[in-house]
Amino acid sequence: MSSAPSDQPPKPPASSADQPAVTDVALRRIGDALRGLRYGSVLAVVQDGVVVQIERTEKTRLGK
């Protein structure tokens, strides 16, 4: 095998149409995580275009 560069142009990055869509289950779980959240954040972890983890961090505000 030679290490000479290929005559072919580099392959363009995959378009969003080539990536799997966010599933209804993932959207429902993200919505559930947001429901009732007053202060905090919801983080969706994505690997290879797929939601693999949802993290919810809730903060409690203490009165003055």
PDB file of N, CA and C in Angstrom:
ATOM      1  N   MET A   1       0.838  -1.173   0.000  1.00  0.00           N
ATOM      2  CA  MET A   1       0.000   0.000   0.000  1.00  0.00           C
ATOM      3  C   MET A   1       0.881   1.233   0.000  1.00  0.00           C
ATOM      4  N   SER A   2       0.495   2.197  -0.785  1.00  0.00           N
ATOM      5  CA  SER A   2       1.281   3.424  -0.832  1.00  0.00           C
ATOM      6  C   SER A   2       0.651   4.457   0.088  1.00  0.00           C
ATOM      7  N   SER A   3       1.479   5.381   0.541  1.00  0.00           N
ATOM      8  CA  SER A   3       0.967   6.442   1.404  1.00  0.00           C
ATOM      9  C   SER A   3       0.703   7.713   0.604  1.00  0.00           C
ATOM     10  N   ALA A   4       0.641   7.586  -0.723  1.00  0.00           N
ATOM     11  CA  ALA A   4       0.370   8.741  -1.578  1.00  0.00           C
ATOM     12  C   ALA A   4      -1.061   9.213  -1.350  1.00  0.00           C
ATOM     13  N   PRO A   5      -1.286  10.538  -1.428  1.00  0.00           N
ATOM     14  CA  PRO A   5      -2.643  11.047  -1.234  1.00  0.00           C
ATOM     15  C   PRO A   5      -3.576  10.549  -2.330  1.00  0.00           C
ATOM     16  N   SER A   6      -4.816  10.391  -1.985  1.00  0.00           N
ATOM     17  CA  SER A   6      -5.829   9.922  -2.921  1.00  0.00           C
ATOM     18  C   SER A   6      -6.189  11.037  -3.899  1.00  0.00           C
ATOM     19  N   ASP A   7      -6.588  10.640  -5.116  1.00  0.00           N
ATOM     20  CA  ASP A   7      -7.036  11.612  -6.114  1.00  0.00           C
ATOM     21  C   ASP A   7      -8.458  12.084  -5.820  1.00  0.00           C
ATOM     22  N   GLN A   8      -9.124  11.438  -4.888  1.00  0.00           N
ATOM     23  CA  GLN A   8     -10.507  11.774  -4.575  1.00  0.00           C
ATOM     24  C   GLN A   8     -10.554  12.935  -3.579  1.00  0.00           C
ATOM     25  N   PRO A   9     -11.504  13.855  -3.757  1.00  0.00           N
ATOM     26  CA  PRO A   9     -11.643  14.951  -2.784  1.00  0.00           C
ATOM     27  C   PRO A   9     -12.140  14.394  -1.452  1.00  0.00           C
ATOM     28  N   PRO A  10     -11.866  15.102  -0.360  1.00  0.00           N
ATOM     29  CA  PRO A  10     -12.351  14.622   0.936  1.00  0.00           C
ATOM     30  C   PRO A  10     -13.868  14.582   0.964  1.00  0.00           C
ATOM     31  N   LYS A  11     -14.397  13.618   1.683  1.00  0.00           N
ATOM     32  CA  LYS A  11     -15.842  13.456   1.791  1.00  0.00           C
ATOM     33  C   LYS A  11     -16.410  14.573   2.667  1.00  0.00           C
ATOM     34  N   PRO A  12     -17.480  15.243   2.218  1.00  0.00           N
ATOM     35  CA  PRO A  12     -18.066  16.314   3.036  1.00  0.00           C
ATOM     36  C   PRO A  12     -18.701  15.730   4.294  1.00  0.00           C
ATOM     37  N   PRO A  13     -18.834  16.553   5.344  1.00  0.00           N
ATOM     38  CA  PRO A  13     -19.473  16.051   6.561  1.00  0.00           C
ATOM     39  C   PRO A  13     -20.909  15.637   6.284  1.00  0.00           C
ATOM     40  N   ALA A  14     -21.392  14.694   7.061  1.00  0.00           N
ATOM     41  CA  ALA A  14     -22.761  14.211   6.882  1.00  0.00           C
ATOM     42  C   ALA A  14     -23.740  15.346   7.147  1.00  0.00           C
ATOM     43  N   SER A  15     -24.771  15.417   6.333  1.00  0.00           N
ATOM     44  CA  SER A  15     -25.783  16.452   6.532  1.00  0.00           C
ATOM     45  C   SER A  15     -26.736  16.017   7.634  1.00  0.00           C
ATOM     46  N   SER A  16     -27.526  16.959   8.113  1.00  0.00           N
ATOM     47  CA  SER A  16     -28.471  16.625   9.174  1.00  0.00           C
ATOM     48  C   SER A  16     -29.507  15.617   8.696  1.00  0.00           C
ATOM     49  N   ALA A  17     -29.754  15.557   7.376  1.00  0.00           N
ATOM     50  CA  ALA A  17     -30.700  14.585   6.844  1.00  0.00           C
ATOM     51  C   ALA A  17     -30.162  13.167   6.995  1.00  0.00           C
ATOM     52  N   ASP A  18     -28.828  13.018   7.063  1.00  0.00           N
ATOM     53  CA  ASP A  18     -28.220  11.704   7.220  1.00  0.00           C
ATOM     54  C   ASP A  18     -28.225  11.244   8.674  1.00  0.00           C
ATOM     55  N   GLN A  19     -28.442  12.159   9.606  1.00  0.00           N
ATOM     56  CA  GLN A  19     -28.395  11.843  11.029  1.00  0.00           C
ATOM     57  C   GLN A  19     -29.774  11.398  11.507  1.00  0.00           C
ATOM     58  N   PRO A  20     -29.815  10.476  12.472  1.00  0.00           N
ATOM     59  CA  PRO A  20     -31.116  10.073  13.004  1.00  0.00           C
ATOM     60  C   PRO A  20     -31.785  11.236  13.730  1.00  0.00           C
ATOM     61  N   ALA A  21     -33.092  11.303  13.635  1.00  0.00           N
ATOM     62  CA  ALA A  21     -33.841  12.373  14.292  1.00  0.00           C
ATOM     63  C   ALA A  21     -33.931  12.095  15.787  1.00  0.00           C
ATOM     64  N   VAL A  22     -34.153  13.148  16.554  1.00  0.00           N
ATOM     65  CA  VAL A  22     -34.384  12.977  17.984  1.00  0.00           C
ATOM     66  C   VAL A  22     -35.694  12.210  18.132  1.00  0.00           C
ATOM     67  N   THR A  23     -35.672  11.165  18.925  1.00  0.00           N
ATOM     68  CA  THR A  23     -36.858  10.324  19.048  1.00  0.00           C
ATOM     69  C   THR A  23     -37.924  10.987  19.908  1.00  0.00           C
ATOM     70  N   ASP A  24     -39.148  10.525  19.737  1.00  0.00           N
ATOM     71  CA  ASP A  24     -40.254  11.026  20.555  1.00  0.00           C
ATOM     72  C   ASP A  24     -39.998  10.740  22.029  1.00  0.00           C
ATOM     73  N   VAL A  25     -39.379   9.601  22.317  1.00  0.00           N
ATOM     74  CA  VAL A  25     -39.078   9.248  23.709  1.00  0.00           C
ATOM     75  C   VAL A  25     -38.118  10.271  24.305  1.00  0.00           C
ATOM     76  N   ALA A  26     -37.069  10.630  23.560  1.00  0.00           N
ATOM     77  CA  ALA A  26     -36.096  11.611  24.056  1.00  0.00           C
ATOM     78  C   ALA A  26     -36.773  12.959  24.277  1.00  0.00           C
ATOM     79  N   LEU A  27     -37.597  13.389  23.339  1.00  0.00           N
ATOM     80  CA  LEU A  27     -38.295  14.671  23.493  1.00  0.00           C
ATOM     81  C   LEU A  27     -39.227  14.653  24.697  1.00  0.00           C
ATOM     82  N   ARG A  28     -39.920  13.539  24.899  1.00  0.00           N
ATOM     83  CA  ARG A  28     -40.829  13.424  26.040  1.00  0.00           C
ATOM     84  C   ARG A  28     -40.047  13.473  27.358  1.00  0.00           C
ATOM     85  N   ARG A  29     -38.910  12.792  27.403  1.00  0.00           N
ATOM     86  CA  ARG A  29     -38.107  12.783  28.634  1.00  0.00           C
ATOM     87  C   ARG A  29     -37.501  14.162  28.914  1.00  0.00           C
ATOM     88  N   ILE A  30     -37.102  14.871  27.863  1.00  0.00           N
ATOM     89  CA  ILE A  30     -36.588  16.237  28.049  1.00  0.00           C
ATOM     90  C   ILE A  30     -37.708  17.130  28.576  1.00  0.00           C
ATOM     91  N   GLY A  31     -38.898  16.990  28.006  1.00  0.00           N
ATOM     92  CA  GLY A  31     -40.054  17.751  28.495  1.00  0.00           C
ATOM     93  C   GLY A  31     -40.366  17.437  29.946  1.00  0.00           C
ATOM     94  N   ASP A  32     -40.292  16.153  30.310  1.00  0.00           N
ATOM     95  CA  ASP A  32     -40.525  15.753  31.704  1.00  0.00           C
ATOM     96  C   ASP A  32     -39.494  16.392  32.631  1.00  0.00           C
ATOM     97  N   ALA A  33     -38.238  16.444  32.178  1.00  0.00           N
ATOM     98  CA  ALA A  33     -37.172  17.036  32.992  1.00  0.00           C
ATOM     99  C   ALA A  33     -37.397  18.537  33.181  1.00  0.00           C
ATOM    100  N   LEU A  34     -37.963  19.200  32.177  1.00  0.00           N
ATOM    101  CA  LEU A  34     -38.222  20.639  32.265  1.00  0.00           C
ATOM    102  C   LEU A  34     -39.444  20.963  33.120  1.00  0.00           C
ATOM    103  N   ARG A  35     -40.384  20.034  33.169  1.00  0.00           N
ATOM    104  CA  ARG A  35     -41.649  20.279  33.867  1.00  0.00           C
ATOM    105  C   ARG A  35     -41.395  20.546  35.351  1.00  0.00           C
ATOM    106  N   GLY A  36     -41.903  21.657  35.833  1.00  0.00           N
ATOM    107  CA  GLY A  36     -41.791  22.006  37.242  1.00  0.00           C
ATOM    108  C   GLY A  36     -40.446  22.589  37.648  1.00  0.00           C
ATOM    109  N   LEU A  37     -39.536  22.732  36.714  1.00  0.00           N
ATOM    110  CA  LEU A  37     -38.203  23.264  37.026  1.00  0.00           C
ATOM    111  C   LEU A  37     -38.275  24.787  37.092  1.00  0.00           C
ATOM    112  N   ARG A  38     -37.968  25.367  38.253  1.00  0.00           N
ATOM    113  CA  ARG A  38     -38.005  26.825  38.399  1.00  0.00           C
ATOM    114  C   ARG A  38     -36.626  27.423  38.207  1.00  0.00           C
ATOM    115  N   TYR A  39     -35.615  26.821  38.825  1.00  0.00           N
ATOM    116  CA  TYR A  39     -34.232  27.286  38.702  1.00  0.00           C
ATOM    117  C   TYR A  39     -33.366  26.058  38.457  1.00  0.00           C
ATOM    118  N   GLY A  40     -32.552  26.100  37.437  1.00  0.00           N
ATOM    119  CA  GLY A  40     -31.671  24.968  37.170  1.00  0.00           C
ATOM    120  C   GLY A  40     -31.421  24.806  35.688  1.00  0.00           C
ATOM    121  N   SER A  41     -31.075  23.589  35.315  1.00  0.00           N
ATOM    122  CA  SER A  41     -30.765  23.336  33.907  1.00  0.00           C
ATOM    123  C   SER A  41     -31.090  21.897  33.535  1.00  0.00           C
ATOM    124  N   VAL A  42     -31.300  21.698  32.235  1.00  0.00           N
ATOM    125  CA  VAL A  42     -31.484  20.363  31.675  1.00  0.00           C
ATOM    126  C   VAL A  42     -30.451  20.225  30.573  1.00  0.00           C
ATOM    127  N   LEU A  43     -29.688  19.144  30.618  1.00  0.00           N
ATOM    128  CA  LEU A  43     -28.612  18.908  29.659  1.00  0.00           C
ATOM    129  C   LEU A  43     -28.884  17.611  28.915  1.00  0.00           C
ATOM    130  N   ALA A  44     -28.886  17.671  27.589  1.00  0.00           N
ATOM    131  CA  ALA A  44     -29.027  16.465  26.770  1.00  0.00           C
ATOM    132  C   ALA A  44     -27.651  16.100  26.231  1.00  0.00           C
ATOM    133  N   VAL A  45     -27.204  14.890  26.527  1.00  0.00           N
ATOM    134  CA  VAL A  45     -25.916  14.396  26.046  1.00  0.00           C
ATOM    135  C   VAL A  45     -26.180  13.607  24.767  1.00  0.00           C
ATOM    136  N   VAL A  46     -25.468  13.975  23.696  1.00  0.00           N
ATOM    137  CA  VAL A  46     -25.684  13.370  22.383  1.00  0.00           C
ATOM    138  C   VAL A  46     -24.408  12.684  21.926  1.00  0.00           C
ATOM    139  N   GLN A  47     -24.531  11.453  21.432  1.00  0.00           N
ATOM    140  CA  GLN A  47     -23.407  10.726  20.843  1.00  0.00           C
ATOM    141  C   GLN A  47     -23.864  10.184  19.501  1.00  0.00           C
ATOM    142  N   ASP A  48     -23.104  10.464  18.466  1.00  0.00           N
ATOM    143  CA  ASP A  48     -23.422  10.007  17.107  1.00  0.00           C
ATOM    144  C   ASP A  48     -24.838  10.392  16.697  1.00  0.00           C
ATOM    145  N   GLY A  49     -25.262  11.600  17.090  1.00  0.00           N
ATOM    146  CA  GLY A  49     -26.570  12.098  16.683  1.00  0.00           C
ATOM    147  C   GLY A  49     -27.738  11.523  17.461  1.00  0.00           C
ATOM    148  N   VAL A  50     -27.466  10.803  18.546  1.00  0.00           N
ATOM    149  CA  VAL A  50     -28.523  10.172  19.333  1.00  0.00           C
ATOM    150  C   VAL A  50     -28.432  10.670  20.774  1.00  0.00           C
ATOM    151  N   VAL A  51     -29.568  11.066  21.344  1.00  0.00           N
ATOM    152  CA  VAL A  51     -29.598  11.474  22.745  1.00  0.00           C
ATOM    153  C   VAL A  51     -29.405  10.215  23.590  1.00  0.00           C
ATOM    154  N   VAL A  52     -28.329  10.202  24.387  1.00  0.00           N
ATOM    155  CA  VAL A  52     -28.018   9.018  25.191  1.00  0.00           C
ATOM    156  C   VAL A  52     -28.195   9.263  26.685  1.00  0.00           C
ATOM    157  N   GLN A  53     -28.303  10.525  27.088  1.00  0.00           N
ATOM    158  CA  GLN A  53     -28.414  10.823  28.514  1.00  0.00           C
ATOM    159  C   GLN A  53     -29.054  12.187  28.687  1.00  0.00           C
ATOM    160  N   ILE A  54     -29.878  12.319  29.708  1.00  0.00           N
ATOM    161  CA  ILE A  54     -30.496  13.597  30.053  1.00  0.00           C
ATOM    162  C   ILE A  54     -30.203  13.856  31.524  1.00  0.00           C
ATOM    163  N   GLU A  55     -29.632  15.027  31.811  1.00  0.00           N
ATOM    164  CA  GLU A  55     -29.302  15.397  33.187  1.00  0.00           C
ATOM    165  C   GLU A  55     -30.138  16.602  33.598  1.00  0.00           C
ATOM    166  N   ARG A  56     -30.691  16.540  34.788  1.00  0.00           N
ATOM    167  CA  ARG A  56     -31.473  17.655  35.332  1.00  0.00           C
ATOM    168  C   ARG A  56     -30.794  18.120  36.614  1.00  0.00           C
ATOM    169  N   THR A  57     -30.500  19.399  36.681  1.00  0.00           N
ATOM    170  CA  THR A  57     -29.921  20.002  37.878  1.00  0.00           C
ATOM    171  C   THR A  57     -30.903  21.046  38.382  1.00  0.00           C
ATOM    172  N   GLU A  58     -31.370  20.867  39.596  1.00  0.00           N
ATOM    173  CA  GLU A  58     -32.328  21.813  40.168  1.00  0.00           C
ATOM    174  C   GLU A  58     -31.661  22.587  41.291  1.00  0.00           C
ATOM    175  N   LYS A  59     -31.857  23.881  41.287  1.00  0.00           N
ATOM    176  CA  LYS A  59     -31.293  24.746  42.317  1.00  0.00           C
ATOM    177  C   LYS A  59     -32.428  25.257  43.195  1.00  0.00           C
ATOM    178  N   THR A  60     -32.149  25.385  44.458  1.00  0.00           N
ATOM    179  CA  THR A  60     -33.135  25.902  45.400  1.00  0.00           C
ATOM    180  C   THR A  60     -32.679  27.271  45.869  1.00  0.00           C
ATOM    181  N   ARG A  61     -33.537  28.270  45.669  1.00  0.00           N
ATOM    182  CA  ARG A  61     -33.231  29.630  46.106  1.00  0.00           C
ATOM    183  C   ARG A  61     -33.688  29.790  47.549  1.00  0.00           C
ATOM    184  N   LEU A  62     -32.785  30.219  48.391  1.00  0.00           N
ATOM    185  CA  LEU A  62     -33.116  30.458  49.793  1.00  0.00           C
ATOM    186  C   LEU A  62     -33.552  31.908  49.960  1.00  0.00           C
ATOM    187  N   GLY A  63     -34.553  32.135  50.791  1.00  0.00           N
ATOM    188  CA  GLY A  63     -35.031  33.492  51.044  1.00  0.00           C
ATOM    189  C   GLY A  63     -33.981  34.321  51.761  1.00  0.00           C
ATOM    190  N   LYS A  64     -34.093  35.636  51.612  1.00  0.00           N
ATOM    191  CA  LYS A  64     -33.129  36.548  52.250  1.00  0.00           C
ATOM    192  C   LYS A  64     -33.448  36.768  53.699  1.00  0.00           C
TER     193      LYS A  64
END
